[in-house]
Amino acid sequence: METAAHILVVDDDAEIRSLLAESLESYGLKVSVAADGASMQRTLAASKIDLVVLDLTLPGDDGLVLCRNLRSKSNLPVIMLTARGDPVDRILGLEMGADDYLTKPFEPRELLARIRTVLRRTWMLPPNLEKSETRNLRFAGWRLDLRARQLINPDGMVVLLSGGEFRMLNAMLEHPHQVLSRDQLLNLTQGRDADPFDRSVDLQISRLRQKLGDAARGATMLKTVRNEGYMLNADVTVEH
């Protein structure tokens, strides 16, 4: 699967672009490179890209702006690179819709592992779902369309979700009335364990509550279970 993937590396450092391209190509990936947002957009328009590796600090529009703009019109996976270890940068990247993040300096093999994990997660079909089938998860008047990757509210309007929010809601809907710890949710949605300062799960739950209108009702649907994790307090029905 990964050997057929086309990766776009966006970084203003020519040495880093060259190093990452050479390393990823040695593992069978196809790689294109861009130095800024304008060249990134040209490459996206001209080629079928499977995943973007996007540096946070770029001339002109920075990585956060580019990620937010990309996410507003596409579900293309994004791995954010940052030279800063500040957890706020990581949270902002995830909030803009990045699928994962990596702090510089890092080993190219670590980036390769993250790329493979994100691609597997992106391309993996839900259990028992054939490509020709349509599957919806209905809960409390809402509908999550797994084929279109859309959340539809009780009035039939589409509510935009980032890639991380979509996977988080899907994971909760696959385990209704079951308490899931932060580690379990991070493994289900990102394929990794949480570090002590990782707030990505809490952030995504908070944003989902806002979009579901759950925060104003005292979080009765996505409930916090103290010292344990989170639970979806709603019945779920599956439609094919």
C-alpha atoms as a PDB file:
ATOM      1  CA  MET A   1       0.000   0.000   0.000  1.00  0.00           C
ATOM      2  CA  GLU A   2       2.604   2.583   1.103  1.00  0.00           C
ATOM      3  CA  THR A   3       4.943   1.856  -1.832  1.00  0.00           C
ATOM      4  CA  ALA A   4       2.354   3.344  -4.231  1.00  0.00           C
ATOM      5  CA  ALA A   5       1.855   6.498  -2.173  1.00  0.00           C
ATOM      6  CA  HIS A   6       2.819   9.926  -3.474  1.00  0.00           C
ATOM      7  CA  ILE A   7       4.130  12.191  -0.700  1.00  0.00           C
ATOM      8  CA  LEU A   8       4.485  15.977  -0.936  1.00  0.00           C
ATOM      9  CA  VAL A   9       7.172  17.442   1.362  1.00  0.00           C
ATOM     10  CA  VAL A  10       6.719  21.188   1.986  1.00  0.00           C
ATOM     11  CA  ASP A  11       9.711  22.809   3.705  1.00  0.00           C
ATOM     12  CA  ASP A  12      11.633  26.016   2.961  1.00  0.00           C
ATOM     13  CA  ASP A  13      14.967  24.370   3.876  1.00  0.00           C
ATOM     14  CA  ALA A  14      16.424  22.915   0.652  1.00  0.00           C
ATOM     15  CA  GLU A  15      18.714  20.543   2.568  1.00  0.00           C
ATOM     16  CA  ILE A  16      15.824  19.094   4.567  1.00  0.00           C
ATOM     17  CA  ARG A  17      13.701  18.720   1.420  1.00  0.00           C
ATOM     18  CA  SER A  18      16.493  16.857  -0.328  1.00  0.00           C
ATOM     19  CA  LEU A  19      17.246  14.636   2.679  1.00  0.00           C
ATOM     20  CA  LEU A  20      13.620  13.662   3.223  1.00  0.00           C
ATOM     21  CA  ALA A  21      12.966  13.073  -0.481  1.00  0.00           C
ATOM     22  CA  GLU A  22      16.016  10.827  -0.825  1.00  0.00           C
ATOM     23  CA  SER A  23      15.203   8.909   2.353  1.00  0.00           C
ATOM     24  CA  LEU A  24      11.498   8.359   1.582  1.00  0.00           C
ATOM     25  CA  GLU A  25      12.226   7.396  -2.033  1.00  0.00           C
ATOM     26  CA  SER A  26      14.680   4.765  -0.786  1.00  0.00           C
ATOM     27  CA  TYR A  27      11.671   3.058   0.874  1.00  0.00           C
ATOM     28  CA  GLY A  28       9.668   3.007  -2.344  1.00  0.00           C
ATOM     29  CA  LEU A  29       7.601   6.146  -1.881  1.00  0.00           C
ATOM     30  CA  LYS A  30       7.110   8.671  -4.668  1.00  0.00           C
ATOM     31  CA  VAL A  31       8.082  12.139  -3.433  1.00  0.00           C
ATOM     32  CA  SER A  32       7.491  15.687  -4.669  1.00  0.00           C
ATOM     33  CA  VAL A  33       8.843  18.753  -2.871  1.00  0.00           C
ATOM     34  CA  ALA A  34       7.749  22.368  -2.430  1.00  0.00           C
ATOM     35  CA  ALA A  35       9.395  25.338  -0.709  1.00  0.00           C
ATOM     36  CA  ASP A  36       6.286  27.383   0.096  1.00  0.00           C
ATOM     37  CA  GLY A  37       2.527  27.523  -0.106  1.00  0.00           C
ATOM     38  CA  ALA A  38       2.387  28.675  -3.721  1.00  0.00           C
ATOM     39  CA  SER A  39       4.518  25.795  -4.998  1.00  0.00           C
ATOM     40  CA  MET A  40       2.567  23.424  -2.757  1.00  0.00           C
ATOM     41  CA  GLN A  41      -0.701  24.494  -4.402  1.00  0.00           C
ATOM     42  CA  ARG A  42       0.768  24.087  -7.888  1.00  0.00           C
ATOM     43  CA  THR A  43       1.896  20.553  -7.080  1.00  0.00           C
ATOM     44  CA  LEU A  44      -1.469  19.623  -5.568  1.00  0.00           C
ATOM     45  CA  ALA A  45      -3.223  20.911  -8.695  1.00  0.00           C
ATOM     46  CA  ALA A  46      -0.911  19.016 -11.045  1.00  0.00           C
ATOM     47  CA  SER A  47      -0.484  15.689  -9.235  1.00  0.00           C
ATOM     48  CA  LYS A  48      -2.444  13.164  -7.203  1.00  0.00           C
ATOM     49  CA  ILE A  49      -0.922  13.480  -3.734  1.00  0.00           C
ATOM     50  CA  ASP A  50      -1.697  10.934  -0.994  1.00  0.00           C
ATOM     51  CA  LEU A  51      -0.170  12.771   1.994  1.00  0.00           C
ATOM     52  CA  VAL A  52       1.436  16.142   2.737  1.00  0.00           C
ATOM     53  CA  VAL A  53       4.400  16.572   5.095  1.00  0.00           C
ATOM     54  CA  LEU A  54       4.054  20.239   6.004  1.00  0.00           C
ATOM     55  CA  ASP A  55       6.559  22.408   7.880  1.00  0.00           C
ATOM     56  CA  LEU A  56       5.062  24.843  10.376  1.00  0.00           C
ATOM     57  CA  THR A  57       7.440  27.725   9.609  1.00  0.00           C
ATOM     58  CA  LEU A  58       7.274  28.797   5.963  1.00  0.00           C
ATOM     59  CA  PRO A  59       7.693  32.096   4.099  1.00  0.00           C
ATOM     60  CA  GLY A  60       4.371  33.770   3.344  1.00  0.00           C
ATOM     61  CA  ASP A  61       1.473  31.675   4.638  1.00  0.00           C
ATOM     62  CA  ASP A  62       2.751  29.424   7.418  1.00  0.00           C
ATOM     63  CA  GLY A  63       1.959  25.744   7.838  1.00  0.00           C
ATOM     64  CA  LEU A  64      -1.024  26.390  10.106  1.00  0.00           C
ATOM     65  CA  VAL A  65      -2.722  28.628   7.534  1.00  0.00           C
ATOM     66  CA  LEU A  66      -1.964  26.197   4.702  1.00  0.00           C
ATOM     67  CA  CYS A  67      -3.251  23.245   6.725  1.00  0.00           C
ATOM     68  CA  ARG A  68      -6.445  25.081   7.651  1.00  0.00           C
ATOM     69  CA  ASN A  69      -7.069  26.084   4.019  1.00  0.00           C
ATOM     70  CA  LEU A  70      -6.360  22.575   2.793  1.00  0.00           C
ATOM     71  CA  ARG A  71      -8.629  21.017   5.389  1.00  0.00           C
ATOM     72  CA  SER A  72     -11.510  23.336   4.462  1.00  0.00           C
ATOM     73  CA  LYS A  73     -11.760  21.664   1.050  1.00  0.00           C
ATOM     74  CA  SER A  74     -10.022  18.299   1.343  1.00  0.00           C
ATOM     75  CA  ASN A  75      -9.475  15.283   3.602  1.00  0.00           C
ATOM     76  CA  LEU A  76      -5.908  14.876   2.327  1.00  0.00           C
ATOM     77  CA  PRO A  77      -3.783  13.625   5.259  1.00  0.00           C
ATOM     78  CA  VAL A  78      -1.279  16.109   6.723  1.00  0.00           C
ATOM     79  CA  ILE A  79       1.698  15.481   9.003  1.00  0.00           C
ATOM     80  CA  MET A  80       2.934  18.741  10.525  1.00  0.00           C
ATOM     81  CA  LEU A  81       6.637  19.364  11.158  1.00  0.00           C
ATOM     82  CA  THR A  82       7.683  21.872  13.799  1.00  0.00           C
ATOM     83  CA  ALA A  83      11.091  22.990  15.047  1.00  0.00           C
ATOM     84  CA  ARG A  84       9.485  24.118  18.287  1.00  0.00           C
ATOM     85  CA  GLY A  85       8.756  21.746  21.132  1.00  0.00           C
ATOM     86  CA  ASP A  86       6.024  23.958  22.588  1.00  0.00           C
ATOM     87  CA  PRO A  87       2.886  21.822  23.131  1.00  0.00           C
ATOM     88  CA  VAL A  88       0.821  24.837  22.007  1.00  0.00           C
ATOM     89  CA  ASP A  89       2.244  24.453  18.483  1.00  0.00           C
ATOM     90  CA  ARG A  90       1.241  20.803  18.425  1.00  0.00           C
ATOM     91  CA  ILE A  91      -2.254  21.600  19.667  1.00  0.00           C
ATOM     92  CA  LEU A  92      -2.655  24.370  17.079  1.00  0.00           C
ATOM     93  CA  GLY A  93      -1.542  22.012  14.325  1.00  0.00           C
ATOM     94  CA  LEU A  94      -4.091  19.398  15.366  1.00  0.00           C
ATOM     95  CA  GLU A  95      -6.739  22.083  15.749  1.00  0.00           C
ATOM     96  CA  MET A  96      -6.129  23.214  12.156  1.00  0.00           C
ATOM     97  CA  GLY A  97      -6.773  19.619  11.051  1.00  0.00           C
ATOM     98  CA  ALA A  98      -3.336  17.982  10.930  1.00  0.00           C
ATOM     99  CA  ASP A  99      -3.426  14.196  11.287  1.00  0.00           C
ATOM    100  CA  ASP A 100      -0.154  13.973  13.203  1.00  0.00           C
ATOM    101  CA  TYR A 101       2.882  16.069  14.107  1.00  0.00           C
ATOM    102  CA  LEU A 102       6.618  15.544  14.442  1.00  0.00           C
ATOM    103  CA  THR A 103       9.111  17.796  16.224  1.00  0.00           C
ATOM    104  CA  LYS A 104      12.474  18.567  14.619  1.00  0.00           C
ATOM    105  CA  PRO A 105      15.068  17.165  14.787  1.00  0.00           C
ATOM    106  CA  PHE A 106      13.839  13.669  13.951  1.00  0.00           C
ATOM    107  CA  GLU A 107      15.080  10.556  12.208  1.00  0.00           C
ATOM    108  CA  PRO A 108      13.719  10.018   8.673  1.00  0.00           C
ATOM    109  CA  ARG A 109      12.691   6.504   9.724  1.00  0.00           C
ATOM    110  CA  GLU A 110      10.418   8.026  12.372  1.00  0.00           C
ATOM    111  CA  LEU A 111       8.728  10.156   9.725  1.00  0.00           C
ATOM    112  CA  LEU A 112       8.375   7.058   7.528  1.00  0.00           C
ATOM    113  CA  ALA A 113       6.668   5.220  10.389  1.00  0.00           C
ATOM    114  CA  ARG A 114       4.247   8.127  10.933  1.00  0.00           C
ATOM    115  CA  ILE A 115       3.480   8.269   7.194  1.00  0.00           C
ATOM    116  CA  ARG A 116       2.728   4.554   7.075  1.00  0.00           C
ATOM    117  CA  THR A 117       0.486   4.777  10.132  1.00  0.00           C
ATOM    118  CA  VAL A 118      -1.502   7.722   8.761  1.00  0.00           C
ATOM    119  CA  LEU A 119      -1.859   6.123   5.325  1.00  0.00           C
ATOM    120  CA  ARG A 120      -3.041   2.821   6.788  1.00  0.00           C
ATOM    121  CA  ARG A 121      -5.559   4.693   8.919  1.00  0.00           C
ATOM    122  CA  THR A 122      -6.731   6.794   5.975  1.00  0.00           C
ATOM    123  CA  TRP A 123      -7.055   3.963   3.483  1.00  0.00           C
ATOM    124  CA  MET A 124      -8.433   1.362   5.860  1.00  0.00           C
ATOM    125  CA  LEU A 125     -12.106   0.509   5.308  1.00  0.00           C
ATOM    126  CA  PRO A 126     -14.335   0.161   8.361  1.00  0.00           C
ATOM    127  CA  PRO A 127     -14.932  -3.475   9.451  1.00  0.00           C
ATOM    128  CA  ASN A 128     -17.225  -5.484   7.149  1.00  0.00           C
ATOM    129  CA  LEU A 129     -17.582  -2.564   4.730  1.00  0.00           C
ATOM    130  CA  GLU A 130     -17.161  -3.322   1.048  1.00  0.00           C
ATOM    131  CA  LYS A 131     -16.191  -0.560  -1.343  1.00  0.00           C
ATOM    132  CA  SER A 132     -19.581  -0.742  -3.083  1.00  0.00           C
ATOM    133  CA  GLU A 133     -21.535  -0.301   0.153  1.00  0.00           C
ATOM    134  CA  THR A 134     -22.610   2.880   1.881  1.00  0.00           C
ATOM    135  CA  ARG A 135     -22.524   2.906   5.651  1.00  0.00           C
ATOM    136  CA  ASN A 136     -24.029   5.393   8.075  1.00  0.00           C
ATOM    137  CA  LEU A 137     -23.854   5.536  11.847  1.00  0.00           C
ATOM    138  CA  ARG A 138     -26.946   7.182  13.367  1.00  0.00           C
ATOM    139  CA  PHE A 139     -27.053   8.519  16.929  1.00  0.00           C
ATOM    140  CA  ALA A 140     -29.304  10.971  18.769  1.00  0.00           C
ATOM    141  CA  GLY A 141     -30.716  12.329  15.501  1.00  0.00           C
ATOM    142  CA  TRP A 142     -27.253  12.772  13.962  1.00  0.00           C
ATOM    143  CA  ARG A 143     -25.685  10.770  11.112  1.00  0.00           C
ATOM    144  CA  LEU A 144     -22.019  10.045  10.398  1.00  0.00           C
ATOM    145  CA  ASP A 145     -21.545   9.080   6.748  1.00  0.00           C
ATOM    146  CA  LEU A 146     -18.423   6.919   6.704  1.00  0.00           C
ATOM    147  CA  ARG A 147     -18.220   6.810   2.926  1.00  0.00           C
ATOM    148  CA  ALA A 148     -18.388  10.580   2.412  1.00  0.00           C
ATOM    149  CA  ARG A 149     -16.660  11.230   5.775  1.00  0.00           C
ATOM    150  CA  GLN A 150     -19.353  13.739   6.710  1.00  0.00           C
ATOM    151  CA  LEU A 151     -21.345  14.525   9.835  1.00  0.00           C
ATOM    152  CA  ILE A 152     -24.988  15.474   9.181  1.00  0.00           C
ATOM    153  CA  ASN A 153     -27.010  17.211  11.892  1.00  0.00           C
ATOM    154  CA  PRO A 154     -30.690  16.481  12.697  1.00  0.00           C
ATOM    155  CA  ASP A 155     -31.732  19.230  10.241  1.00  0.00           C
ATOM    156  CA  GLY A 156     -29.846  17.572   7.379  1.00  0.00           C
ATOM    157  CA  MET A 157     -26.989  20.106   7.311  1.00  0.00           C
ATOM    158  CA  VAL A 158     -23.358  19.003   6.929  1.00  0.00           C
ATOM    159  CA  VAL A 159     -21.106  19.887   9.872  1.00  0.00           C
ATOM    160  CA  LEU A 160     -17.442  20.125   8.860  1.00  0.00           C
ATOM    161  CA  LEU A 161     -15.014  17.865  10.727  1.00  0.00           C
ATOM    162  CA  SER A 162     -11.240  17.733  10.618  1.00  0.00           C
ATOM    163  CA  GLY A 163      -9.659  14.358   9.914  1.00  0.00           C
ATOM    164  CA  GLY A 164      -8.859  13.913  13.598  1.00  0.00           C
ATOM    165  CA  GLU A 165     -12.374  14.847  14.694  1.00  0.00           C
ATOM    166  CA  PHE A 166     -13.893  12.421  12.189  1.00  0.00           C
ATOM    167  CA  ARG A 167     -11.755   9.542  13.465  1.00  0.00           C
ATOM    168  CA  MET A 168     -12.431  10.445  17.105  1.00  0.00           C
ATOM    169  CA  LEU A 169     -16.202  10.498  16.593  1.00  0.00           C
ATOM    170  CA  ASN A 170     -16.062   7.274  14.588  1.00  0.00           C
ATOM    171  CA  ALA A 171     -14.115   5.574  17.381  1.00  0.00           C
ATOM    172  CA  MET A 172     -16.654   6.705  19.967  1.00  0.00           C
ATOM    173  CA  LEU A 173     -19.564   5.534  17.793  1.00  0.00           C
ATOM    174  CA  GLU A 174     -17.945   2.129  17.334  1.00  0.00           C
ATOM    175  CA  HIS A 175     -17.915   1.742  21.155  1.00  0.00           C
ATOM    176  CA  PRO A 176     -21.164   3.274  22.493  1.00  0.00           C
ATOM    177  CA  HIS A 177     -21.786   3.220  26.261  1.00  0.00           C
ATOM    178  CA  GLN A 178     -18.169   2.070  26.773  1.00  0.00           C
ATOM    179  CA  VAL A 179     -15.558   4.086  28.657  1.00  0.00           C
ATOM    180  CA  LEU A 180     -12.455   4.634  26.509  1.00  0.00           C
ATOM    181  CA  SER A 181      -9.237   5.924  28.062  1.00  0.00           C
ATOM    182  CA  ARG A 182      -7.116   8.590  26.398  1.00  0.00           C
ATOM    183  CA  ASP A 183      -4.526   5.951  25.470  1.00  0.00           C
ATOM    184  CA  GLN A 184      -7.226   3.767  23.889  1.00  0.00           C
ATOM    185  CA  LEU A 185      -8.649   6.685  21.928  1.00  0.00           C
ATOM    186  CA  LEU A 186      -5.212   7.771  20.738  1.00  0.00           C
ATOM    187  CA  ASN A 187      -4.440   4.233  19.612  1.00  0.00           C
ATOM    188  CA  LEU A 188      -7.783   3.946  17.821  1.00  0.00           C
ATOM    189  CA  THR A 189      -7.413   7.296  16.056  1.00  0.00           C
ATOM    190  CA  GLN A 190      -3.672   7.764  15.603  1.00  0.00           C
ATOM    191  CA  GLY A 191      -2.109   4.369  16.238  1.00  0.00           C
ATOM    192  CA  ARG A 192       0.142   5.546  19.061  1.00  0.00           C
ATOM    193  CA  ASP A 193       0.218   5.981  22.833  1.00  0.00           C
ATOM    194  CA  ALA A 194      -0.166   9.323  24.557  1.00  0.00           C
ATOM    195  CA  ASP A 195       2.760  11.122  26.128  1.00  0.00           C
ATOM    196  CA  PRO A 196       2.209  12.812  29.509  1.00  0.00           C
ATOM    197  CA  PHE A 197       1.578  16.235  27.910  1.00  0.00           C
ATOM    198  CA  ASP A 198      -0.527  15.091  24.967  1.00  0.00           C
ATOM    199  CA  ARG A 199      -3.842  16.990  24.978  1.00  0.00           C
ATOM    200  CA  SER A 200      -4.964  16.057  21.466  1.00  0.00           C
ATOM    201  CA  VAL A 201      -7.727  13.721  22.688  1.00  0.00           C
ATOM    202  CA  ASP A 202      -9.134  16.328  25.090  1.00  0.00           C
ATOM    203  CA  LEU A 203      -8.973  18.989  22.378  1.00  0.00           C
ATOM    204  CA  GLN A 204     -10.811  16.877  19.812  1.00  0.00           C
ATOM    205  CA  ILE A 205     -13.481  15.822  22.320  1.00  0.00           C
ATOM    206  CA  SER A 206     -13.999  19.482  23.245  1.00  0.00           C
ATOM    207  CA  ARG A 207     -14.349  20.500  19.590  1.00  0.00           C
ATOM    208  CA  LEU A 208     -16.744  17.621  18.907  1.00  0.00           C
ATOM    209  CA  ARG A 209     -18.893  18.717  21.838  1.00  0.00           C
ATOM    210  CA  GLN A 210     -19.089  22.213  20.377  1.00  0.00           C
ATOM    211  CA  LYS A 211     -20.071  20.900  16.949  1.00  0.00           C
ATOM    212  CA  LEU A 212     -22.643  18.508  18.405  1.00  0.00           C
ATOM    213  CA  GLY A 213     -24.049  21.247  20.643  1.00  0.00           C
ATOM    214  CA  ASP A 214     -23.161  19.031  23.584  1.00  0.00           C
ATOM    215  CA  ALA A 215     -21.170  21.536  25.630  1.00  0.00           C
ATOM    216  CA  ALA A 216     -24.207  23.755  26.211  1.00  0.00           C
ATOM    217  CA  ARG A 217     -26.133  20.776  27.560  1.00  0.00           C
ATOM    218  CA  GLY A 218     -23.470  19.894  30.105  1.00  0.00           C
ATOM    219  CA  ALA A 219     -21.815  17.255  27.915  1.00  0.00           C
ATOM    220  CA  THR A 220     -24.534  14.618  28.184  1.00  0.00           C
ATOM    221  CA  MET A 221     -23.608  12.860  24.945  1.00  0.00           C
ATOM    222  CA  LEU A 222     -19.789  12.762  25.106  1.00  0.00           C
ATOM    223  CA  LYS A 223     -19.419  12.244  28.829  1.00  0.00           C
ATOM    224  CA  THR A 224     -16.236  12.629  30.839  1.00  0.00           C
ATOM    225  CA  VAL A 225     -15.687   9.732  33.229  1.00  0.00           C
ATOM    226  CA  ARG A 226     -13.393  11.077  35.909  1.00  0.00           C
ATOM    227  CA  ASN A 227      -9.932   9.469  36.052  1.00  0.00           C
ATOM    228  CA  GLU A 228     -10.939   7.003  33.314  1.00  0.00           C
ATOM    229  CA  GLY A 229     -11.672   8.710  29.995  1.00  0.00           C
ATOM    230  CA  TYR A 230     -14.686   9.437  27.810  1.00  0.00           C
ATOM    231  CA  MET A 231     -17.923   7.629  26.919  1.00  0.00           C
ATOM    232  CA  LEU A 232     -20.518   8.079  24.184  1.00  0.00           C
ATOM    233  CA  ASN A 233     -23.860   8.148  25.988  1.00  0.00           C
ATOM    234  CA  ALA A 234     -26.116   7.421  22.995  1.00  0.00           C
ATOM    235  CA  ASP A 235     -27.504   4.425  21.135  1.00  0.00           C
ATOM    236  CA  VAL A 236     -25.963   3.843  17.702  1.00  0.00           C
ATOM    237  CA  THR A 237     -27.593   2.190  14.699  1.00  0.00           C
ATOM    238  CA  VAL A 238     -25.728   1.046  11.576  1.00  0.00           C
ATOM    239  CA  GLU A 239     -27.120   1.484   8.065  1.00  0.00           C
ATOM    240  CA  HIS A 240     -25.641  -0.036   4.909  1.00  0.00           C
END
